[in-house]
Amino acid sequence: MADPSTAPTAPNTDSVDTTPISQLERRNSLEKHLQTRPEEQDLKNRHILLDTTAAPALQAKQAGLERQRITVSMSHAVDTDVL
């Protein structure tokens, strides 16, 4: 039988700050975060953004075809290495 003292408890809602923030505070927070936003080229270098000129609707298909091409290439390399 489980020990009731180790049973999970509901989170303490008394510690949650529910005070509304003003529109000015919200805008200042957004501006601060936008100022620290990484540059587009940095995101491309880190492979977060795709470095492609394809339309967004085609990017997933393009990535899938590239993945398939690599898979086929690797399976052919493995087949030729087996004696």
PDB file of N, CA and C in Angstrom:
ATOM      1  N   MET A   1       0.841  -1.168   0.000  1.00  0.00           N
ATOM      2  CA  MET A   1       0.000   0.000   0.000  1.00  0.00           C
ATOM      3  C   MET A   1       0.895   1.244   0.000  1.00  0.00           C
ATOM      4  N   ALA A   2       0.535   2.261  -0.724  1.00  0.00           N
ATOM      5  CA  ALA A   2       1.341   3.461  -0.856  1.00  0.00           C
ATOM      6  C   ALA A   2       1.266   4.299   0.399  1.00  0.00           C
ATOM      7  N   ASP A   3       2.372   4.938   0.712  1.00  0.00           N
ATOM      8  CA  ASP A   3       2.443   5.824   1.862  1.00  0.00           C
ATOM      9  C   ASP A   3       1.761   7.147   1.506  1.00  0.00           C
ATOM     10  N   PRO A   4       0.731   7.565   2.238  1.00  0.00           N
ATOM     11  CA  PRO A   4       0.011   8.795   1.888  1.00  0.00           C
ATOM     12  C   PRO A   4       0.880  10.043   1.981  1.00  0.00           C
ATOM     13  N   SER A   5       1.953  10.006   2.747  1.00  0.00           N
ATOM     14  CA  SER A   5       2.808  11.190   2.877  1.00  0.00           C
ATOM     15  C   SER A   5       3.642  11.430   1.624  1.00  0.00           C
ATOM     16  N   THR A   6       3.786  10.403   0.750  1.00  0.00           N
ATOM     17  CA  THR A   6       4.553  10.575  -0.487  1.00  0.00           C
ATOM     18  C   THR A   6       3.652  10.766  -1.699  1.00  0.00           C
ATOM     19  N   ALA A   7       2.351  10.805  -1.490  1.00  0.00           N
ATOM     20  CA  ALA A   7       1.417  10.985  -2.604  1.00  0.00           C
ATOM     21  C   ALA A   7       1.583  12.380  -3.185  1.00  0.00           C
ATOM     22  N   PRO A   8       1.435  12.518  -4.516  1.00  0.00           N
ATOM     23  CA  PRO A   8       1.562  13.837  -5.127  1.00  0.00           C
ATOM     24  C   PRO A   8       0.460  14.763  -4.625  1.00  0.00           C
ATOM     25  N   THR A   9       0.821  16.019  -4.484  1.00  0.00           N
ATOM     26  CA  THR A   9      -0.143  17.002  -4.001  1.00  0.00           C
ATOM     27  C   THR A   9      -0.387  18.045  -5.077  1.00  0.00           C
ATOM     28  N   ALA A  10      -1.475  18.740  -4.953  1.00  0.00           N
ATOM     29  CA  ALA A  10      -1.809  19.808  -5.898  1.00  0.00           C
ATOM     30  C   ALA A  10      -0.832  20.960  -5.698  1.00  0.00           C
ATOM     31  N   PRO A  11      -0.500  21.684  -6.778  1.00  0.00           N
ATOM     32  CA  PRO A  11       0.418  22.813  -6.628  1.00  0.00           C
ATOM     33  C   PRO A  11      -0.192  23.891  -5.748  1.00  0.00           C
ATOM     34  N   ASN A  12       0.665  24.584  -5.051  1.00  0.00           N
ATOM     35  CA  ASN A  12       0.248  25.649  -4.157  1.00  0.00           C
ATOM     36  C   ASN A  12      -0.094  26.879  -4.991  1.00  0.00           C
ATOM     37  N   THR A  13      -1.376  27.191  -5.097  1.00  0.00           N
ATOM     38  CA  THR A  13      -1.790  28.325  -5.926  1.00  0.00           C
ATOM     39  C   THR A  13      -1.550  29.657  -5.227  1.00  0.00           C
ATOM     40  N   ASP A  14      -1.207  29.633  -3.934  1.00  0.00           N
ATOM     41  CA  ASP A  14      -0.931  30.876  -3.223  1.00  0.00           C
ATOM     42  C   ASP A  14       0.351  31.530  -3.713  1.00  0.00           C
ATOM     43  N   SER A  15       1.269  30.767  -4.293  1.00  0.00           N
ATOM     44  CA  SER A  15       2.551  31.324  -4.711  1.00  0.00           C
ATOM     45  C   SER A  15       2.538  31.839  -6.141  1.00  0.00           C
ATOM     46  N   VAL A  16       1.412  31.703  -6.848  1.00  0.00           N
ATOM     47  CA  VAL A  16       1.311  32.161  -8.228  1.00  0.00           C
ATOM     48  C   VAL A  16       0.898  33.629  -8.231  1.00  0.00           C
ATOM     49  N   ASP A  17       1.684  34.444  -8.935  1.00  0.00           N
ATOM     50  CA  ASP A  17       1.376  35.867  -9.033  1.00  0.00           C
ATOM     51  C   ASP A  17       0.323  36.072 -10.110  1.00  0.00           C
ATOM     52  N   THR A  18      -0.846  36.478  -9.712  1.00  0.00           N
ATOM     53  CA  THR A  18      -1.942  36.669 -10.662  1.00  0.00           C
ATOM     54  C   THR A  18      -2.243  38.142 -10.911  1.00  0.00           C
ATOM     55  N   THR A  19      -1.397  39.031 -10.445  1.00  0.00           N
ATOM     56  CA  THR A  19      -1.649  40.457 -10.669  1.00  0.00           C
ATOM     57  C   THR A  19      -1.460  40.785 -12.143  1.00  0.00           C
ATOM     58  N   PRO A  20      -2.391  41.503 -12.723  1.00  0.00           N
ATOM     59  CA  PRO A  20      -2.264  41.840 -14.143  1.00  0.00           C
ATOM     60  C   PRO A  20      -1.146  42.857 -14.372  1.00  0.00           C
ATOM     61  N   ILE A  21      -0.520  42.768 -15.549  1.00  0.00           N
ATOM     62  CA  ILE A  21       0.505  43.748 -15.876  1.00  0.00           C
ATOM     63  C   ILE A  21      -0.085  44.769 -16.840  1.00  0.00           C
ATOM     64  N   SER A  22       0.455  45.960 -16.789  1.00  0.00           N
ATOM     65  CA  SER A  22      -0.078  47.014 -17.638  1.00  0.00           C
ATOM     66  C   SER A  22       0.383  46.811 -19.082  1.00  0.00           C
ATOM     67  N   GLN A  23      -0.304  47.474 -19.986  1.00  0.00           N
ATOM     68  CA  GLN A  23       0.068  47.389 -21.397  1.00  0.00           C
ATOM     69  C   GLN A  23       1.483  47.928 -21.606  1.00  0.00           C
ATOM     70  N   LEU A  24       1.865  48.953 -20.876  1.00  0.00           N
ATOM     71  CA  LEU A  24       3.208  49.525 -21.004  1.00  0.00           C
ATOM     72  C   LEU A  24       4.268  48.512 -20.571  1.00  0.00           C
ATOM     73  N   GLU A  25       4.032  47.819 -19.462  1.00  0.00           N
ATOM     74  CA  GLU A  25       4.979  46.795 -19.004  1.00  0.00           C
ATOM     75  C   GLU A  25       5.097  45.663 -20.021  1.00  0.00           C
ATOM     76  N   ARG A  26       3.968  45.272 -20.589  1.00  0.00           N
ATOM     77  CA  ARG A  26       3.970  44.201 -21.581  1.00  0.00           C
ATOM     78  C   ARG A  26       4.752  44.628 -22.827  1.00  0.00           C
ATOM     79  N   ARG A  27       4.541  45.855 -23.301  1.00  0.00           N
ATOM     80  CA  ARG A  27       5.239  46.349 -24.486  1.00  0.00           C
ATOM     81  C   ARG A  27       6.738  46.472 -24.207  1.00  0.00           C
ATOM     82  N   ASN A  28       7.103  46.968 -23.021  1.00  0.00           N
ATOM     83  CA  ASN A  28       8.522  47.087 -22.675  1.00  0.00           C
ATOM     84  C   ASN A  28       9.187  45.717 -22.605  1.00  0.00           C
ATOM     85  N   SER A  29       8.477  44.732 -22.095  1.00  0.00           N
ATOM     86  CA  SER A  29       9.022  43.384 -22.015  1.00  0.00           C
ATOM     87  C   SER A  29       9.245  42.818 -23.415  1.00  0.00           C
ATOM     88  N   LEU A  30       8.276  43.030 -24.297  1.00  0.00           N
ATOM     89  CA  LEU A  30       8.402  42.550 -25.667  1.00  0.00           C
ATOM     90  C   LEU A  30       9.568  43.239 -26.375  1.00  0.00           C
ATOM     91  N   GLU A  31       9.684  44.537 -26.220  1.00  0.00           N
ATOM     92  CA  GLU A  31      10.785  45.275 -26.853  1.00  0.00           C
ATOM     93  C   GLU A  31      12.139  44.788 -26.346  1.00  0.00           C
ATOM     94  N   LYS A  32      12.231  44.529 -25.046  1.00  0.00           N
ATOM     95  CA  LYS A  32      13.485  44.032 -24.460  1.00  0.00           C
ATOM     96  C   LYS A  32      13.857  42.682 -25.058  1.00  0.00           C
ATOM     97  N   HIS A  33      12.878  41.793 -25.195  1.00  0.00           N
ATOM     98  CA  HIS A  33      13.157  40.461 -25.754  1.00  0.00           C
ATOM     99  C   HIS A  33      13.505  40.549 -27.238  1.00  0.00           C
ATOM    100  N   LEU A  34      12.866  41.457 -27.961  1.00  0.00           N
ATOM    101  CA  LEU A  34      13.179  41.605 -29.384  1.00  0.00           C
ATOM    102  C   LEU A  34      14.584  42.162 -29.592  1.00  0.00           C
ATOM    103  N   GLN A  35      15.053  42.986 -28.679  1.00  0.00           N
ATOM    104  CA  GLN A  35      16.409  43.534 -28.791  1.00  0.00           C
ATOM    105  C   GLN A  35      17.470  42.461 -28.609  1.00  0.00           C
ATOM    106  N   THR A  36      17.160  41.435 -27.830  1.00  0.00           N
ATOM    107  CA  THR A  36      18.135  40.365 -27.592  1.00  0.00           C
ATOM    108  C   THR A  36      17.936  39.185 -28.540  1.00  0.00           C
ATOM    109  N   ARG A  37      17.027  39.344 -29.485  1.00  0.00           N
ATOM    110  CA  ARG A  37      16.748  38.276 -30.454  1.00  0.00           C
ATOM    111  C   ARG A  37      17.957  38.071 -31.365  1.00  0.00           C
ATOM    112  N   PRO A  38      18.351  36.808 -31.622  1.00  0.00           N
ATOM    113  CA  PRO A  38      19.498  36.553 -32.504  1.00  0.00           C
ATOM    114  C   PRO A  38      19.213  37.012 -33.935  1.00  0.00           C
ATOM    115  N   GLU A  39      20.272  37.337 -34.655  1.00  0.00           N
ATOM    116  CA  GLU A  39      20.153  37.741 -36.051  1.00  0.00           C
ATOM    117  C   GLU A  39      19.744  36.537 -36.905  1.00  0.00           C
ATOM    118  N   GLU A  40      19.132  36.817 -38.047  1.00  0.00           N
ATOM    119  CA  GLU A  40      18.663  35.761 -38.947  1.00  0.00           C
ATOM    120  C   GLU A  40      19.813  34.852 -39.383  1.00  0.00           C
ATOM    121  N   GLN A  41      20.957  35.434 -39.729  1.00  0.00           N
ATOM    122  CA  GLN A  41      22.084  34.623 -40.197  1.00  0.00           C
ATOM    123  C   GLN A  41      22.606  33.713 -39.084  1.00  0.00           C
ATOM    124  N   ASP A  42      22.593  34.194 -37.841  1.00  0.00           N
ATOM    125  CA  ASP A  42      23.019  33.366 -36.715  1.00  0.00           C
ATOM    126  C   ASP A  42      22.093  32.159 -36.571  1.00  0.00           C
ATOM    127  N   LEU A  43      20.782  32.370 -36.724  1.00  0.00           N
ATOM    128  CA  LEU A  43      19.830  31.262 -36.640  1.00  0.00           C
ATOM    129  C   LEU A  43      20.023  30.268 -37.782  1.00  0.00           C
ATOM    130  N   LYS A  44      20.378  30.763 -38.953  1.00  0.00           N
ATOM    131  CA  LYS A  44      20.657  29.871 -40.084  1.00  0.00           C
ATOM    132  C   LYS A  44      21.933  29.079 -39.837  1.00  0.00           C
ATOM    133  N   ASN A  45      22.960  29.720 -39.277  1.00  0.00           N
ATOM    134  CA  ASN A  45      24.217  29.036 -38.984  1.00  0.00           C
ATOM    135  C   ASN A  45      24.026  27.937 -37.940  1.00  0.00           C
ATOM    136  N   ARG A  46      23.079  28.140 -37.018  1.00  0.00           N
ATOM    137  CA  ARG A  46      22.801  27.156 -35.977  1.00  0.00           C
ATOM    138  C   ARG A  46      21.731  26.153 -36.404  1.00  0.00           C
ATOM    139  N   HIS A  47      21.314  26.207 -37.682  1.00  0.00           N
ATOM    140  CA  HIS A  47      20.327  25.291 -38.267  1.00  0.00           C
ATOM    141  C   HIS A  47      18.968  25.368 -37.564  1.00  0.00           C
ATOM    142  N   ILE A  48      18.627  26.548 -37.075  1.00  0.00           N
ATOM    143  CA  ILE A  48      17.303  26.772 -36.504  1.00  0.00           C
ATOM    144  C   ILE A  48      16.363  27.243 -37.610  1.00  0.00           C
ATOM    145  N   LEU A  49      16.839  28.156 -38.445  1.00  0.00           N
ATOM    146  CA  LEU A  49      16.121  28.560 -39.650  1.00  0.00           C
ATOM    147  C   LEU A  49      16.752  27.861 -40.837  1.00  0.00           C
ATOM    148  N   LEU A  50      15.921  27.498 -41.794  1.00  0.00           N
ATOM    149  CA  LEU A  50      16.446  26.873 -43.002  1.00  0.00           C
ATOM    150  C   LEU A  50      17.027  27.930 -43.920  1.00  0.00           C
ATOM    151  N   ASP A  51      18.162  27.646 -44.511  1.00  0.00           N
ATOM    152  CA  ASP A  51      18.787  28.550 -45.463  1.00  0.00           C
ATOM    153  C   ASP A  51      18.334  28.146 -46.856  1.00  0.00           C
ATOM    154  N   THR A  52      17.105  28.510 -47.189  1.00  0.00           N
ATOM    155  CA  THR A  52      16.517  28.105 -48.449  1.00  0.00           C
ATOM    156  C   THR A  52      15.672  29.235 -49.009  1.00  0.00           C
ATOM    157  N   THR A  53      15.482  29.202 -50.311  1.00  0.00           N
ATOM    158  CA  THR A  53      14.632  30.196 -50.946  1.00  0.00           C
ATOM    159  C   THR A  53      13.274  29.603 -51.295  1.00  0.00           C
ATOM    160  N   ALA A  54      13.023  28.366 -50.904  1.00  0.00           N
ATOM    161  CA  ALA A  54      11.752  27.708 -51.190  1.00  0.00           C
ATOM    162  C   ALA A  54      10.639  28.338 -50.357  1.00  0.00           C
ATOM    163  N   ALA A  55       9.440  28.298 -50.897  1.00  0.00           N
ATOM    164  CA  ALA A  55       8.271  28.791 -50.169  1.00  0.00           C
ATOM    165  C   ALA A  55       8.079  27.942 -48.907  1.00  0.00           C
ATOM    166  N   PRO A  56       7.579  28.549 -47.831  1.00  0.00           N
ATOM    167  CA  PRO A  56       7.396  27.785 -46.589  1.00  0.00           C
ATOM    168  C   PRO A  56       6.579  26.510 -46.775  1.00  0.00           C
ATOM    169  N   ALA A  57       5.612  26.533 -47.667  1.00  0.00           N
ATOM    170  CA  ALA A  57       4.792  25.340 -47.887  1.00  0.00           C
ATOM    171  C   ALA A  57       5.608  24.203 -48.501  1.00  0.00           C
ATOM    172  N   LEU A  58       6.686  24.530 -49.180  1.00  0.00           N
ATOM    173  CA  LEU A  58       7.505  23.508 -49.842  1.00  0.00           C
ATOM    174  C   LEU A  58       8.717  23.082 -49.011  1.00  0.00           C
ATOM    175  N   GLN A  59       9.035  23.813 -47.956  1.00  0.00           N
ATOM    176  CA  GLN A  59      10.238  23.517 -47.178  1.00  0.00           C
ATOM    177  C   GLN A  59      10.194  22.132 -46.536  1.00  0.00           C
ATOM    178  N   ALA A  60       9.044  21.729 -46.000  1.00  0.00           N
ATOM    179  CA  ALA A  60       8.944  20.401 -45.376  1.00  0.00           C
ATOM    180  C   ALA A  60       9.144  19.306 -46.415  1.00  0.00           C
ATOM    181  N   LYS A  61       8.542  19.467 -47.576  1.00  0.00           N
ATOM    182  CA  LYS A  61       8.702  18.479 -48.641  1.00  0.00           C
ATOM    183  C   LYS A  61      10.159  18.418 -49.095  1.00  0.00           C
ATOM    184  N   GLN A  62      10.798  19.583 -49.207  1.00  0.00           N
ATOM    185  CA  GLN A  62      12.204  19.649 -49.612  1.00  0.00           C
ATOM    186  C   GLN A  62      13.087  18.932 -48.582  1.00  0.00           C
ATOM    187  N   ALA A  63      12.829  19.152 -47.304  1.00  0.00           N
ATOM    188  CA  ALA A  63      13.608  18.491 -46.255  1.00  0.00           C
ATOM    189  C   ALA A  63      13.388  16.983 -46.278  1.00  0.00           C
ATOM    190  N   GLY A  64      12.142  16.562 -46.508  1.00  0.00           N
ATOM    191  CA  GLY A  64      11.850  15.132 -46.581  1.00  0.00           C
ATOM    192  C   GLY A  64      12.558  14.460 -47.743  1.00  0.00           C
ATOM    193  N   LEU A  65      12.567  15.113 -48.891  1.00  0.00           N
ATOM    194  CA  LEU A  65      13.265  14.547 -50.059  1.00  0.00           C
ATOM    195  C   LEU A  65      14.775  14.473 -49.818  1.00  0.00           C
ATOM    196  N   GLU A  66      15.327  15.480 -49.165  1.00  0.00           N
ATOM    197  CA  GLU A  66      16.763  15.460 -48.857  1.00  0.00           C
ATOM    198  C   GLU A  66      17.086  14.316 -47.897  1.00  0.00           C
ATOM    199  N   ARG A  67      16.233  14.119 -46.888  1.00  0.00           N
ATOM    200  CA  ARG A  67      16.431  13.023 -45.932  1.00  0.00           C
ATOM    201  C   ARG A  67      16.354  11.682 -46.657  1.00  0.00           C
ATOM    202  N   GLN A  68      15.397  11.546 -47.574  1.00  0.00           N
ATOM    203  CA  GLN A  68      15.249  10.301 -48.331  1.00  0.00           C
ATOM    204  C   GLN A  68      16.471  10.063 -49.219  1.00  0.00           C
ATOM    205  N   ARG A  69      16.991  11.121 -49.852  1.00  0.00           N
ATOM    206  CA  ARG A  69      18.174  10.997 -50.700  1.00  0.00           C
ATOM    207  C   ARG A  69      19.366  10.513 -49.888  1.00  0.00           C
ATOM    208  N   ILE A  70      19.540  11.058 -48.703  1.00  0.00           N
ATOM    209  CA  ILE A  70      20.653  10.657 -47.838  1.00  0.00           C
ATOM    210  C   ILE A  70      20.496   9.203 -47.399  1.00  0.00           C
ATOM    211  N   THR A  71      19.280   8.799 -47.058  1.00  0.00           N
ATOM    212  CA  THR A  71      19.021   7.419 -46.635  1.00  0.00           C
ATOM    213  C   THR A  71      19.359   6.437 -47.744  1.00  0.00           C
ATOM    214  N   VAL A  72      18.924   6.734 -48.961  1.00  0.00           N
ATOM    215  CA  VAL A  72      19.209   5.855 -50.099  1.00  0.00           C
ATOM    216  C   VAL A  72      20.709   5.798 -50.352  1.00  0.00           C
ATOM    217  N   SER A  73      21.359   6.943 -50.278  1.00  0.00           N
ATOM    218  CA  SER A  73      22.800   7.002 -50.490  1.00  0.00           C
ATOM    219  C   SER A  73      23.547   6.161 -49.452  1.00  0.00           C
ATOM    220  N   MET A  74      23.107   6.249 -48.202  1.00  0.00           N
ATOM    221  CA  MET A  74      23.762   5.475 -47.147  1.00  0.00           C
ATOM    222  C   MET A  74      23.516   3.980 -47.317  1.00  0.00           C
ATOM    223  N   SER A  75      22.302   3.592 -47.715  1.00  0.00           N
ATOM    224  CA  SER A  75      22.020   2.157 -47.885  1.00  0.00           C
ATOM    225  C   SER A  75      22.812   1.590 -49.054  1.00  0.00           C
ATOM    226  N   HIS A  76      23.024   2.389 -50.099  1.00  0.00           N
ATOM    227  CA  HIS A  76      23.854   1.924 -51.219  1.00  0.00           C
ATOM    228  C   HIS A  76      25.322   1.771 -50.783  1.00  0.00           C
ATOM    229  N   ALA A  77      25.793   2.681 -49.923  1.00  0.00           N
ATOM    230  CA  ALA A  77      27.158   2.595 -49.429  1.00  0.00           C
ATOM    231  C   ALA A  77      27.344   1.351 -48.570  1.00  0.00           C
ATOM    232  N   VAL A  78      26.354   1.006 -47.751  1.00  0.00           N
ATOM    233  CA  VAL A  78      26.431  -0.183 -46.910  1.00  0.00           C
ATOM    234  C   VAL A  78      26.381  -1.428 -47.778  1.00  0.00           C
ATOM    235  N   ASP A  79      25.533  -1.447 -48.797  1.00  0.00           N
ATOM    236  CA  ASP A  79      25.421  -2.613 -49.685  1.00  0.00           C
ATOM    237  C   ASP A  79      26.723  -2.872 -50.433  1.00  0.00           C
ATOM    238  N   THR A  80      27.445  -1.839 -50.818  1.00  0.00           N
ATOM    239  CA  THR A  80      28.681  -2.036 -51.559  1.00  0.00           C
ATOM    240  C   THR A  80      29.838  -2.426 -50.640  1.00  0.00           C
ATOM    241  N   ASP A  81      29.728  -2.132 -49.348  1.00  0.00           N
ATOM    242  CA  ASP A  81      30.791  -2.484 -48.412  1.00  0.00           C
ATOM    243  C   ASP A  81      30.698  -3.933 -47.953  1.00  0.00           C
ATOM    244  N   VAL A  82      29.533  -4.552 -48.052  1.00  0.00           N
ATOM    245  CA  VAL A  82      29.332  -5.928 -47.601  1.00  0.00           C
ATOM    246  C   VAL A  82      29.897  -6.876 -48.658  1.00  0.00           C
ATOM    247  N   LEU A  83      30.702  -7.835 -48.225  1.00  0.00           N
ATOM    248  CA  LEU A  83      31.292  -8.803 -49.144  1.00  0.00           C
ATOM    249  C   LEU A  83      30.517 -10.067 -49.211  1.00  0.00           C
TER     250      LEU A  83
END
